[in-house]
Amino acid sequence: MSVRELVVLGTASQVPTRHRNHNGYLLRWDGEGFLFDPGEGTQRQMLRAGVAAHDLNRICVTHFHGDHSLGLAGVIQRVNLDRVPHEVTAHYPRSGQRFFDRLRYATAYRETVALTEAPVDVDGPLAVTPGYTLEARRLSHPVESFGYRLLEPDGRRMLPDRLAAHGIKGPDVGRLQREGVLGGVSLEDVSEVRRGQRFAFVMDTRLCEGVYALAEGCDMLVIESTFLDEDEELAVEHGHLTAGQAARVARDAGVRHLVLTHFSQRYTDPAEFERQARAAGYDGDLTVAHDLLRVPLPKRR
């Protein structure tokens, strides 16, 4: 049975707290695992969350600030220590290649796994598979930063009443799905488009075109909300979003489930992020993330 869920490993911003580890997020997408922004302590958080190195297929780094990337060294070494039997691909801004190199070879260890480096320098698709397309979009932060978006191909939903009207049943349904036409009846005559699921991951950024492009029509949007709205000037100065800004993006983009994360240590009441997001007009499913939380993707429309 396929599983699609977000496993939250850490939710702090620059400074971790007693209750919030540095960043780290694992997206389980059917049989693959996408690890986003492994900050310090990610390896231990994986252990606490029941995530193994074998679960990782792609590592996606938005940018090379420490709270989003210092855990890379430990994760890469753990992948090799555990002799993960499949290829692992790492995506990260090409401008940070020197940082990736230092983290990959921070200490001596035995390389046993094929780690493919796939740096990002332009907007667009990074990988296209039968189950998804992985895309990147440039964001606005003091250092180069990219957000990521996963799109499932559209499929078709069979309509029982139309099938019955055309007398199509049993094995003929599968034949029609495979061949596209059966006895003069086309697949389009007895089905409708079932839009594929969409997931986006947006970390450190000001409001920009890339934020909206990533969020558009998403079933789940994981987005930073480092600051509360009263500190919007600080957010703009340091290249971040407020809870209200993130929520308005989700509202305008038609996001079904909004996950707020990456919180400044200056705030002690997580509920205030939800209050401000609701005040901004977002009325979909809303999660204020905490460490070790599991959030299933919404069911297909």
Protein backbone atom coordinates (compact mmCIF):
# COMPACT_ATOMS: atom_id res chain seq x y z
CA MET A 1 0.00 0.00 0.00
CA SER A 2 1.43 3.39 -0.99
CA VAL A 3 2.19 5.90 1.77
CA ARG A 4 2.40 9.63 1.29
CA GLU A 5 3.17 11.57 4.43
CA LEU A 6 5.37 14.28 5.82
CA VAL A 7 7.59 13.35 8.78
CA VAL A 8 8.73 16.50 10.60
CA LEU A 9 12.19 16.07 12.12
CA GLY A 10 12.89 19.64 13.20
CA THR A 11 11.10 23.01 13.16
CA ALA A 12 13.47 25.62 14.60
CA SER A 13 15.00 28.45 12.62
CA GLN A 14 18.57 29.68 13.20
CA VAL A 15 18.69 28.78 16.89
CA PRO A 16 17.34 25.44 18.16
CA THR A 17 15.41 25.36 21.43
CA ARG A 18 14.74 22.74 24.09
CA HIS A 19 11.66 21.68 22.16
CA ARG A 20 12.64 22.34 18.55
CA ASN A 21 15.51 20.76 16.66
CA HIS A 22 17.07 22.40 13.64
CA ASN A 23 15.28 21.78 10.33
CA GLY A 24 14.66 18.40 8.79
CA TYR A 25 11.68 17.02 6.86
CA LEU A 26 11.12 13.65 5.23
CA LEU A 27 8.46 13.25 2.57
CA ARG A 28 7.42 9.65 2.04
CA TRP A 29 6.07 9.37 -1.50
CA ASP A 30 5.02 5.81 -2.21
CA GLY A 31 8.28 3.86 -2.17
CA GLU A 32 10.63 6.86 -2.17
CA GLY A 33 11.88 9.21 0.53
CA PHE A 34 12.79 12.89 0.05
CA LEU A 35 14.86 14.44 2.85
CA PHE A 36 14.60 18.22 2.85
CA ASP A 37 17.04 20.58 4.58
CA PRO A 38 18.85 18.35 7.09
CA GLY A 39 20.10 20.65 9.85
CA GLU A 40 22.16 19.69 12.88
CA GLY A 41 20.82 16.69 14.75
CA THR A 42 18.90 15.27 11.80
CA GLN A 43 20.44 11.82 12.15
CA ARG A 44 19.24 11.54 15.75
CA GLN A 45 15.81 12.92 14.89
CA MET A 46 15.53 10.28 12.17
CA LEU A 47 16.15 7.64 14.82
CA ARG A 48 13.49 9.10 17.10
CA ALA A 49 10.99 9.29 14.23
CA GLY A 50 11.63 5.76 12.99
CA VAL A 51 13.27 6.92 9.76
CA ALA A 52 16.16 4.83 8.42
CA ALA A 53 18.93 5.74 6.02
CA HIS A 54 17.46 3.13 3.69
CA ASP A 55 14.34 5.32 3.42
CA LEU A 56 16.26 8.09 1.62
CA ASN A 57 16.31 8.39 -2.15
CA ARG A 58 16.77 12.13 -2.63
CA ILE A 59 18.21 14.87 -0.43
CA CYS A 60 16.97 18.36 -1.31
CA VAL A 61 18.77 21.37 0.20
CA THR A 62 17.18 24.77 -0.29
CA HIS A 63 20.26 26.81 0.64
CA PHE A 64 23.51 26.66 2.58
CA HIS A 65 22.74 28.29 5.89
CA GLY A 66 23.72 26.02 8.76
CA ASP A 67 20.25 25.33 10.13
CA HIS A 68 19.32 23.85 6.74
CA SER A 69 22.47 21.93 5.85
CA LEU A 70 24.89 21.15 8.70
CA GLY A 71 23.28 17.74 9.17
CA LEU A 72 24.34 16.72 5.67
CA ALA A 73 27.69 15.39 6.86
CA GLY A 74 26.16 12.96 9.33
CA VAL A 75 23.34 11.88 7.02
CA ILE A 76 25.70 11.17 4.12
CA GLN A 77 28.04 9.19 6.35
CA ARG A 78 25.09 7.23 7.79
CA VAL A 79 23.89 6.35 4.30
CA ASN A 80 27.35 4.91 3.62
CA LEU A 81 27.68 3.22 7.01
CA ASP A 82 24.37 1.43 6.47
CA ARG A 83 25.33 0.51 2.90
CA VAL A 84 22.08 1.75 1.42
CA PRO A 85 21.56 -0.51 -1.62
CA HIS A 86 20.15 2.12 -3.99
CA GLU A 87 21.39 5.34 -5.50
CA VAL A 88 20.86 8.51 -3.47
CA THR A 89 20.64 11.83 -5.32
CA ALA A 90 21.46 15.20 -3.74
CA HIS A 91 19.94 18.45 -5.06
CA TYR A 92 21.29 21.81 -3.83
CA PRO A 93 22.12 25.26 -5.23
CA ARG A 94 25.10 25.01 -7.57
CA SER A 95 26.47 28.25 -6.13
CA GLY A 96 27.00 26.35 -2.86
CA GLN A 97 29.05 23.54 -4.37
CA ARG A 98 32.04 24.35 -2.15
CA PHE A 99 29.84 23.98 0.95
CA PHE A 100 28.42 20.69 -0.27
CA ASP A 101 31.92 19.37 -0.94
CA ARG A 102 33.06 20.30 2.57
CA LEU A 103 30.04 18.66 4.17
CA ARG A 104 30.26 15.54 2.05
CA TYR A 105 33.89 15.05 3.02
CA ALA A 106 33.88 16.69 6.45
CA THR A 107 35.72 13.69 7.97
CA ALA A 108 37.20 10.37 6.88
CA TYR A 109 34.79 7.51 6.14
CA ARG A 110 34.40 4.65 3.69
CA GLU A 111 32.19 5.42 0.70
CA THR A 112 29.96 2.46 -0.11
CA VAL A 113 26.99 4.15 -1.79
CA ALA A 114 26.50 5.85 -5.14
CA LEU A 115 25.69 9.44 -4.15
CA THR A 116 24.78 11.42 -7.25
CA GLU A 117 25.31 15.16 -7.11
CA ALA A 118 22.63 17.07 -9.05
CA PRO A 119 23.14 20.79 -8.33
CA VAL A 120 20.40 23.28 -9.20
CA ASP A 121 20.99 26.57 -10.97
CA VAL A 122 17.80 27.27 -12.97
CA ASP A 123 14.07 26.97 -12.49
CA GLY A 124 12.43 23.88 -13.87
CA PRO A 125 12.30 20.08 -13.70
CA LEU A 126 15.06 18.23 -11.88
CA ALA A 127 13.78 14.68 -12.28
CA VAL A 128 10.92 13.09 -14.21
CA THR A 129 9.76 9.58 -13.27
CA PRO A 130 6.52 7.66 -13.85
CA GLY A 131 5.39 8.58 -10.34
CA TYR A 132 6.35 12.26 -10.12
CA THR A 133 8.16 15.27 -11.50
CA LEU A 134 10.48 17.13 -9.12
CA GLU A 135 10.83 20.83 -9.87
CA ALA A 136 12.79 23.74 -8.40
CA ARG A 137 12.05 27.48 -8.24
CA ARG A 138 14.36 30.28 -7.18
CA LEU A 139 13.46 32.10 -3.96
CA SER A 140 14.54 35.43 -2.41
CA HIS A 141 17.02 35.14 0.47
CA PRO A 142 20.41 36.73 1.27
CA VAL A 143 22.08 33.59 -0.15
CA GLU A 144 20.85 31.73 -3.22
CA SER A 145 17.88 29.56 -2.31
CA PHE A 146 15.54 27.24 -4.19
CA GLY A 147 12.20 25.74 -3.24
CA TYR A 148 11.05 22.32 -4.41
CA ARG A 149 7.77 21.00 -5.80
CA LEU A 150 6.61 17.45 -6.45
CA LEU A 151 3.88 16.80 -9.02
CA GLU A 152 2.14 13.52 -9.67
CA PRO A 153 1.01 12.99 -13.31
CA ASP A 154 -2.71 13.42 -13.87
CA GLY A 155 -4.69 10.20 -14.19
CA ARG A 156 -8.27 9.32 -14.99
CA ARG A 157 -11.17 8.35 -12.74
CA MET A 158 -13.60 5.83 -14.20
CA LEU A 159 -17.30 6.79 -13.93
CA PRO A 160 -19.50 3.75 -13.15
CA ASP A 161 -22.70 5.28 -14.54
CA ARG A 162 -21.12 6.01 -17.91
CA LEU A 163 -19.49 2.58 -18.03
CA ALA A 164 -22.89 1.01 -17.37
CA ALA A 165 -24.56 3.16 -20.03
CA HIS A 166 -22.12 1.81 -22.61
CA GLY A 167 -22.35 -1.76 -21.32
CA ILE A 168 -18.69 -1.92 -20.34
CA LYS A 169 -17.89 -4.07 -17.33
CA GLY A 170 -15.48 -6.66 -15.91
CA PRO A 171 -12.21 -7.22 -17.81
CA ASP A 172 -13.32 -4.82 -20.54
CA VAL A 173 -12.83 -1.89 -18.15
CA GLY A 174 -9.13 -2.70 -17.81
CA ARG A 175 -8.83 -3.23 -21.55
CA LEU A 176 -10.33 0.18 -22.22
CA GLN A 177 -7.91 1.77 -19.75
CA ARG A 178 -4.96 0.12 -21.46
CA GLU A 179 -5.99 0.66 -25.08
CA GLY A 180 -7.88 3.95 -24.84
CA VAL A 181 -10.80 2.82 -26.99
CA LEU A 182 -13.14 -0.19 -27.03
CA GLY A 183 -15.95 -0.82 -29.50
CA GLY A 184 -16.13 2.82 -30.47
CA VAL A 185 -16.16 4.02 -26.85
CA SER A 186 -13.16 6.15 -25.85
CA LEU A 187 -11.64 6.40 -22.40
CA GLU A 188 -12.71 10.04 -22.29
CA ASP A 189 -16.34 9.00 -22.78
CA VAL A 190 -16.44 7.04 -19.52
CA SER A 191 -13.95 8.81 -17.27
CA GLU A 192 -12.80 12.19 -16.02
CA VAL A 193 -9.42 13.69 -15.26
CA ARG A 194 -8.11 12.89 -11.77
CA ARG A 195 -5.55 15.53 -10.99
CA GLY A 196 -2.29 14.25 -9.55
CA GLN A 197 -1.22 15.28 -6.06
CA ARG A 198 1.07 18.27 -5.60
CA PHE A 199 3.48 18.98 -2.75
CA ALA A 200 5.71 22.02 -2.27
CA PHE A 201 8.52 22.84 0.14
CA VAL A 202 9.33 26.53 0.63
CA MET A 203 11.96 27.62 3.11
CA ASP A 204 13.83 30.85 3.79
CA THR A 205 12.52 33.52 1.45
CA ARG A 206 10.77 36.83 1.12
CA LEU A 207 7.58 37.00 -0.91
CA CYS A 208 8.55 36.51 -4.55
CA GLU A 209 7.32 34.96 -7.79
CA GLY A 210 8.91 31.63 -6.92
CA VAL A 211 6.86 31.29 -3.72
CA TYR A 212 3.58 31.64 -5.60
CA ALA A 213 4.69 29.34 -8.43
CA LEU A 214 5.61 26.59 -5.98
CA ALA A 215 2.41 26.91 -3.95
CA GLU A 216 -0.05 27.02 -6.85
CA GLY A 217 -2.73 24.35 -6.49
CA CYS A 218 -0.81 22.30 -3.92
CA ASP A 219 -2.42 19.59 -1.85
CA MET A 220 0.22 20.26 0.82
CA LEU A 221 2.46 23.30 1.22
CA VAL A 222 5.26 23.19 3.79
CA ILE A 223 6.37 26.79 4.23
CA GLU A 224 8.47 28.81 6.61
CA SER A 225 6.82 31.34 8.91
CA THR A 226 9.82 32.48 10.89
CA PHE A 227 8.14 35.65 12.19
CA LEU A 228 4.76 36.81 13.41
CA ASP A 229 3.10 39.64 11.51
CA GLU A 230 4.10 42.37 13.94
CA ASP A 231 7.73 41.68 13.00
CA GLU A 232 7.22 41.92 9.23
CA GLU A 233 10.02 44.50 8.85
CA LEU A 234 12.47 42.03 10.40
CA ALA A 235 11.16 39.31 8.11
CA VAL A 236 11.79 41.39 4.99
CA GLU A 237 15.21 42.50 6.23
CA HIS A 238 16.39 38.95 6.88
CA GLY A 239 14.68 37.29 3.92
CA HIS A 240 11.82 35.50 5.64
CA LEU A 241 8.03 35.25 5.79
CA THR A 242 5.50 35.94 8.51
CA ALA A 243 2.64 33.63 9.45
CA GLY A 244 0.15 35.95 7.76
CA GLN A 245 2.17 36.21 4.57
CA ALA A 246 2.54 32.43 4.33
CA ALA A 247 -1.19 31.97 4.90
CA ARG A 248 -2.15 34.52 2.26
CA VAL A 249 0.08 32.71 -0.24
CA ALA A 250 -1.71 29.46 0.61
CA ARG A 251 -5.13 31.11 0.41
CA ASP A 252 -4.48 32.69 -2.98
CA ALA A 253 -2.85 29.53 -4.38
CA GLY A 254 -5.71 27.24 -3.38
CA VAL A 255 -3.59 25.11 -1.03
CA ARG A 256 -5.55 22.33 0.67
CA HIS A 257 -3.24 21.68 3.66
CA LEU A 258 -0.87 24.36 4.96
CA VAL A 259 2.03 23.33 7.20
CA LEU A 260 3.77 26.24 8.96
CA THR A 261 7.28 25.69 10.31
CA HIS A 262 10.77 27.23 10.86
CA PHE A 263 9.90 29.34 13.89
CA SER A 264 12.10 31.97 15.51
CA GLN A 265 13.12 31.21 19.08
CA ARG A 266 11.76 34.62 20.14
CA TYR A 267 8.19 33.25 20.19
CA THR A 268 6.86 31.00 22.94
CA ASP A 269 3.22 30.51 21.92
CA PRO A 270 2.86 28.33 18.77
CA ALA A 271 -0.89 28.92 18.76
CA GLU A 272 -0.30 32.53 17.74
CA PHE A 273 0.96 31.36 14.34
CA GLU A 274 -2.34 29.58 13.74
CA ARG A 275 -4.35 32.58 14.92
CA GLN A 276 -2.53 34.90 12.52
CA ALA A 277 -2.82 32.43 9.64
CA ARG A 278 -6.58 32.19 10.14
CA ALA A 279 -6.84 35.96 10.48
CA ALA A 280 -5.15 36.23 7.07
CA GLY A 281 -8.08 34.35 5.54
CA TYR A 282 -6.74 30.82 5.09
CA ASP A 283 -9.58 28.37 5.79
CA GLY A 284 -8.11 25.04 4.65
CA ASP A 285 -6.44 22.39 6.77
CA LEU A 286 -3.72 24.00 8.87
CA THR A 287 -0.88 22.47 10.88
CA VAL A 288 1.58 24.37 13.05
CA ALA A 289 4.41 21.87 12.92
CA HIS A 290 6.27 20.45 15.89
CA ASP A 291 9.15 18.01 16.00
CA LEU A 292 8.42 14.33 15.24
CA LEU A 293 4.99 15.11 13.84
CA ARG A 294 3.58 12.97 11.00
CA VAL A 295 1.18 14.63 8.56
CA PRO A 296 -0.52 12.54 5.84
CA LEU A 297 -1.04 14.17 2.46
CA PRO A 298 -4.70 14.90 1.72
CA LYS A 299 -6.61 12.31 -0.25
CA ARG A 300 -6.81 12.95 -3.96
CA ARG A 301 -9.54 15.31 -5.05
